[in-house]
Amino acid sequence: MEFILVTQQARPHVALIQLNRPKELNALNLQLMAELRDALKELDQNEEVRAIVLTGNERAFAAGADIKQMAGKTAIDMLHIDQFSTWDQIKKTKKPLIAAVSGFALGGGCELAMTCDMIIASETAQFGQPEIKIGVMPGAGGTQRLTRALGKARAMEMVLTGKSISAREAEKHGLVNRVVPVELHLEEAFKLAGEIAQLSPVAVKLAKESVNRAFEAHLEEGLHFERKNFYLTFASEDQTEGMAAFVEKRQPVFKGR
């Protein structure tokens, strides 16, 4: 890995992936995205990992895509590169993925943060889709996820003007979970990941799928999917242990089975 750093046990059952192109403000070139895809796939298959934190550095989570790689490309070139297939794989990550965002999260950086399941932001975080300023538009989910988070009018303004919003405004609109001081944003993400990592991996996986389905399906289909996954938890040892522990007034020991 050249452009990311991976720590499989940054905390008990919690892995950390750090974007590592500091001079380029963690601009998302093709190699970085491929490395991120491969790391997430490996961590998703690691039974010792139950939650994943994704971060950049204090100055930038990711300031956008690597424009130098795209400048001069034709529509056919971009079609053949098919850079968004990597994003599709990231979206398939089954374990909870928490973004710890400080500084710039713009363009592809904002889209990457929104691809995660939850976002902890530092007070310096800025979110935006400035692609319109260079004659293009968001292409990795910006027009879709931003609209679902902020509503049509606010998202339309951001996409059509390229203006960004502060961490506090993002929190007010529900784009991020909470805002904390810069020096605490990564630790706060670890804390959230650690809480989740203590719970049943089976139930967490199915619950994540069900929440995501709310954004990808009509209500009736989403309710049906949720109900099916609820019933499926009763096929797990974790469900038996969790309910037995509740009745016996003790802490459950979840094994992910």
Protein backbone atom coordinates (compact mmCIF):
# COMPACT_ATOMS: atom_id res chain seq x y z
CA MET A 1 0.00 0.00 0.00
CA GLU A 2 1.50 3.32 -1.09
CA PHE A 3 -1.28 5.82 -0.48
CA ILE A 4 -3.11 4.39 2.55
CA LEU A 5 -2.05 3.16 5.98
CA VAL A 6 -3.92 0.22 7.53
CA THR A 7 -3.96 -0.78 11.21
CA GLN A 8 -5.99 -3.93 11.68
CA GLN A 9 -6.36 -3.58 15.46
CA ALA A 10 -6.21 0.15 16.16
CA ARG A 11 -8.61 -0.64 18.99
CA PRO A 12 -10.08 -4.00 20.02
CA HIS A 13 -12.00 -5.29 16.98
CA VAL A 14 -11.66 -1.87 15.28
CA ALA A 15 -9.49 -1.30 12.20
CA LEU A 16 -8.16 2.04 10.97
CA ILE A 17 -7.55 3.11 7.38
CA GLN A 18 -5.76 6.43 6.89
CA LEU A 19 -5.57 8.15 3.51
CA ASN A 20 -1.92 9.07 3.03
CA ARG A 21 -1.26 11.62 0.30
CA PRO A 22 -0.70 14.63 2.58
CA LYS A 23 1.04 16.83 0.00
CA GLU A 24 -1.93 16.42 -2.35
CA LEU A 25 -4.48 16.89 0.46
CA ASN A 26 -5.32 13.19 0.05
CA ALA A 27 -6.62 13.68 -3.49
CA LEU A 28 -8.28 10.45 -4.59
CA ASN A 29 -6.28 9.10 -7.51
CA LEU A 30 -6.99 5.72 -9.08
CA GLN A 31 -4.26 3.91 -7.16
CA LEU A 32 -5.43 5.21 -3.78
CA MET A 33 -9.00 4.17 -4.51
CA ALA A 34 -7.87 0.71 -5.63
CA GLU A 35 -5.83 0.32 -2.44
CA LEU A 36 -8.81 1.44 -0.37
CA ARG A 37 -11.08 -1.03 -2.14
CA ASP A 38 -8.66 -3.91 -1.52
CA ALA A 39 -8.11 -2.97 2.13
CA LEU A 40 -11.84 -2.77 2.84
CA LYS A 41 -12.41 -6.11 1.15
CA GLU A 42 -9.70 -7.74 3.29
CA LEU A 43 -10.93 -6.17 6.53
CA ASP A 44 -14.49 -7.17 5.70
CA GLN A 45 -13.35 -10.80 5.59
CA ASN A 46 -11.31 -10.56 8.82
CA GLU A 47 -13.41 -12.00 11.66
CA GLU A 48 -11.35 -10.10 14.25
CA VAL A 49 -12.50 -6.79 12.77
CA ARG A 50 -16.03 -5.67 13.61
CA ALA A 51 -15.92 -1.97 12.66
CA ILE A 52 -13.70 0.22 10.47
CA VAL A 53 -12.67 3.86 10.86
CA LEU A 54 -11.60 5.80 7.75
CA THR A 55 -9.71 9.07 8.15
CA GLY A 56 -7.28 11.48 6.51
CA ASN A 57 -5.32 14.04 8.49
CA GLU A 58 -6.19 17.22 10.38
CA ARG A 59 -5.84 19.39 7.27
CA ALA A 60 -7.86 17.25 4.89
CA PHE A 61 -9.96 14.12 4.85
CA ALA A 62 -9.78 14.29 1.06
CA ALA A 63 -9.87 17.47 -1.00
CA GLY A 64 -11.39 15.75 -4.02
CA ALA A 65 -10.50 13.57 -6.97
CA ASP A 66 -7.08 13.83 -8.60
CA ILE A 67 -7.93 16.29 -11.38
CA LYS A 68 -4.52 15.80 -13.04
CA GLN A 69 -5.49 12.20 -13.83
CA MET A 70 -8.74 13.28 -15.48
CA ALA A 71 -7.72 16.44 -17.32
CA GLY A 72 -7.57 15.83 -21.07
CA LYS A 73 -9.60 12.62 -20.92
CA THR A 74 -12.50 12.07 -23.32
CA ALA A 75 -15.88 10.63 -22.40
CA ILE A 76 -14.80 7.32 -23.95
CA ASP A 77 -11.55 7.37 -21.96
CA MET A 78 -13.51 7.82 -18.74
CA LEU A 79 -15.90 5.05 -19.73
CA HIS A 80 -13.01 2.63 -20.25
CA ILE A 81 -11.28 3.65 -17.00
CA ASP A 82 -14.55 2.93 -15.15
CA GLN A 83 -13.23 4.48 -11.95
CA PHE A 84 -16.59 4.19 -10.23
CA SER A 85 -16.44 0.39 -10.09
CA THR A 86 -14.09 0.91 -7.13
CA TRP A 87 -16.74 3.05 -5.41
CA ASP A 88 -19.31 0.31 -5.94
CA GLN A 89 -17.06 -2.12 -4.05
CA ILE A 90 -16.66 0.33 -1.15
CA LYS A 91 -20.44 0.57 -0.90
CA LYS A 92 -20.60 -3.21 -0.55
CA THR A 93 -18.57 -3.18 2.70
CA LYS A 94 -20.65 -5.16 5.18
CA LYS A 95 -19.04 -3.96 8.39
CA PRO A 96 -19.82 -0.52 9.84
CA LEU A 97 -17.63 2.13 8.27
CA ILE A 98 -17.13 5.39 10.18
CA ALA A 99 -15.50 8.44 8.62
CA ALA A 100 -13.42 10.67 10.91
CA VAL A 101 -13.33 13.93 8.97
CA SER A 102 -11.18 16.99 9.62
CA GLY A 103 -10.47 19.83 7.22
CA PHE A 104 -11.47 19.52 3.58
CA ALA A 105 -14.00 16.91 2.46
CA LEU A 106 -14.71 18.22 -1.00
CA GLY A 107 -15.84 16.65 -4.26
CA GLY A 108 -14.85 13.00 -4.18
CA GLY A 109 -13.79 13.47 -0.55
CA CYS A 110 -17.30 14.52 0.42
CA GLU A 111 -18.72 11.63 -1.61
CA LEU A 112 -16.34 9.19 0.09
CA ALA A 113 -17.37 10.42 3.54
CA MET A 114 -21.04 10.07 2.59
CA THR A 115 -20.41 6.52 1.36
CA CYS A 116 -19.48 5.66 4.94
CA ASP A 117 -22.22 4.73 7.41
CA MET A 118 -21.52 7.50 9.93
CA ILE A 119 -19.41 10.65 10.06
CA ILE A 120 -17.62 12.19 13.03
CA ALA A 121 -16.45 15.68 12.07
CA SER A 122 -13.91 18.02 13.61
CA GLU A 123 -14.77 21.68 14.06
CA THR A 124 -12.64 22.53 11.00
CA ALA A 125 -14.38 20.12 8.63
CA GLN A 126 -15.83 21.52 5.40
CA PHE A 127 -18.14 19.57 3.11
CA GLY A 128 -18.87 20.46 -0.49
CA GLN A 129 -19.26 19.42 -4.11
CA PRO A 130 -17.30 22.06 -6.08
CA GLU A 131 -17.13 20.08 -9.34
CA ILE A 132 -19.34 22.63 -11.12
CA LYS A 133 -16.47 25.13 -10.85
CA ILE A 134 -14.32 23.07 -13.22
CA GLY A 135 -17.08 22.32 -15.71
CA VAL A 136 -18.24 18.93 -14.48
CA MET A 137 -20.59 17.59 -11.81
CA PRO A 138 -20.48 15.05 -8.96
CA GLY A 139 -20.20 11.50 -10.28
CA ALA A 140 -19.73 9.26 -7.22
CA GLY A 141 -23.04 9.81 -5.48
CA GLY A 142 -22.84 13.50 -4.60
CA THR A 143 -26.11 14.53 -6.21
CA GLN A 144 -27.91 11.56 -4.65
CA ARG A 145 -26.56 11.20 -1.11
CA LEU A 146 -26.27 14.94 -0.48
CA THR A 147 -29.90 15.43 -1.53
CA ARG A 148 -31.06 12.64 0.79
CA ALA A 149 -29.14 14.15 3.69
CA LEU A 150 -29.83 17.86 3.21
CA GLY A 151 -33.00 18.02 1.13
CA LYS A 152 -33.44 19.18 -2.45
CA ALA A 153 -33.08 22.95 -2.04
CA ARG A 154 -29.89 22.95 0.06
CA ALA A 155 -28.24 20.22 -1.99
CA MET A 156 -29.18 21.95 -5.24
CA GLU A 157 -27.55 25.17 -4.06
CA MET A 158 -24.35 23.38 -3.08
CA VAL A 159 -24.12 21.36 -6.29
CA LEU A 160 -24.95 24.26 -8.63
CA THR A 161 -22.73 26.86 -6.91
CA GLY A 162 -19.93 24.69 -5.57
CA LYS A 163 -20.24 26.30 -2.14
CA SER A 164 -19.25 24.24 0.89
CA ILE A 165 -20.80 24.06 4.34
CA SER A 166 -19.21 24.00 7.78
CA ALA A 167 -19.17 21.06 10.14
CA ARG A 168 -21.79 22.71 12.35
CA GLU A 169 -24.14 23.27 9.43
CA ALA A 170 -23.58 19.69 8.28
CA GLU A 171 -24.49 18.52 11.77
CA LYS A 172 -27.62 20.68 11.84
CA HIS A 173 -28.85 19.10 8.60
CA GLY A 174 -28.00 15.54 9.68
CA LEU A 175 -25.07 14.99 7.30
CA VAL A 176 -22.74 14.18 10.22
CA ASN A 177 -23.35 12.49 13.55
CA ARG A 178 -21.57 15.06 15.70
CA VAL A 179 -18.85 17.71 15.74
CA VAL A 180 -15.94 17.65 18.19
CA PRO A 181 -12.64 19.53 18.61
CA VAL A 182 -9.97 18.67 16.03
CA GLU A 183 -7.80 16.81 18.50
CA LEU A 184 -10.71 14.56 19.51
CA HIS A 185 -12.34 13.67 16.18
CA LEU A 186 -10.42 10.44 15.59
CA GLU A 187 -10.80 9.30 19.19
CA GLU A 188 -14.53 10.02 19.03
CA ALA A 189 -14.77 7.87 15.90
CA PHE A 190 -12.91 5.08 17.72
CA LYS A 191 -15.31 5.42 20.62
CA LEU A 192 -18.34 5.02 18.35
CA ALA A 193 -16.74 2.11 16.50
CA GLY A 194 -15.86 0.48 19.82
CA GLU A 195 -19.46 0.66 21.02
CA ILE A 196 -20.62 -1.08 17.86
CA ALA A 197 -17.80 -3.64 17.99
CA GLN A 198 -19.07 -4.89 21.36
CA LEU A 199 -22.40 -5.90 19.86
CA SER A 200 -23.44 -8.93 17.81
CA PRO A 201 -21.63 -8.81 14.45
CA VAL A 202 -24.47 -10.76 12.87
CA ALA A 203 -27.15 -8.35 14.05
CA VAL A 204 -25.00 -5.31 13.20
CA LYS A 205 -24.47 -6.53 9.64
CA LEU A 206 -28.16 -7.19 9.07
CA ALA A 207 -29.19 -3.90 10.69
CA LYS A 208 -26.75 -1.96 8.52
CA GLU A 209 -28.15 -3.59 5.39
CA SER A 210 -31.66 -2.72 6.48
CA VAL A 211 -30.92 0.95 7.19
CA ASN A 212 -29.15 1.29 3.83
CA ARG A 213 -32.10 -0.29 2.09
CA ALA A 214 -34.21 2.67 3.25
CA PHE A 215 -32.19 4.85 0.88
CA GLU A 216 -32.27 2.39 -1.98
CA ALA A 217 -35.85 1.13 -2.08
CA HIS A 218 -39.46 2.16 -1.79
CA LEU A 219 -40.97 1.96 1.70
CA GLU A 220 -42.81 -1.33 1.23
CA GLU A 221 -39.73 -3.05 -0.19
CA GLY A 222 -37.59 -1.61 2.62
CA LEU A 223 -40.02 -2.81 5.28
CA HIS A 224 -40.06 -6.29 3.77
CA PHE A 225 -36.25 -6.38 3.70
CA GLU A 226 -36.06 -5.18 7.30
CA ARG A 227 -38.54 -7.82 8.48
CA LYS A 228 -36.64 -10.61 6.70
CA ASN A 229 -33.36 -9.61 8.32
CA PHE A 230 -35.05 -9.35 11.73
CA TYR A 231 -36.23 -12.95 11.45
CA LEU A 232 -32.78 -13.99 10.26
CA THR A 233 -31.15 -12.78 13.50
CA PHE A 234 -33.05 -15.57 15.30
CA ALA A 235 -30.92 -18.10 13.42
CA SER A 236 -27.77 -16.81 15.18
CA GLU A 237 -26.07 -17.90 18.39
CA ASP A 238 -25.64 -14.21 19.20
CA GLN A 239 -29.42 -13.75 19.43
CA THR A 240 -29.72 -16.70 21.83
CA GLU A 241 -26.84 -15.39 23.93
CA GLY A 242 -28.09 -11.79 23.91
CA MET A 243 -31.58 -12.64 25.09
CA ALA A 244 -30.35 -15.18 27.63
CA ALA A 245 -27.95 -12.60 29.06
CA PHE A 246 -30.78 -10.07 29.33
CA VAL A 247 -32.98 -12.52 31.22
CA GLU A 248 -30.07 -13.57 33.46
CA LYS A 249 -29.05 -9.92 34.08
CA ARG A 250 -25.47 -10.28 32.82
CA GLN A 251 -23.34 -8.91 30.00
CA PRO A 252 -23.63 -10.91 26.76
CA VAL A 253 -20.59 -12.42 25.05
CA PHE A 254 -21.09 -12.13 21.29
CA LYS A 255 -19.07 -14.37 18.95
CA GLY A 256 -20.43 -13.39 15.55
CA ARG A 257 -22.15 -16.71 14.94
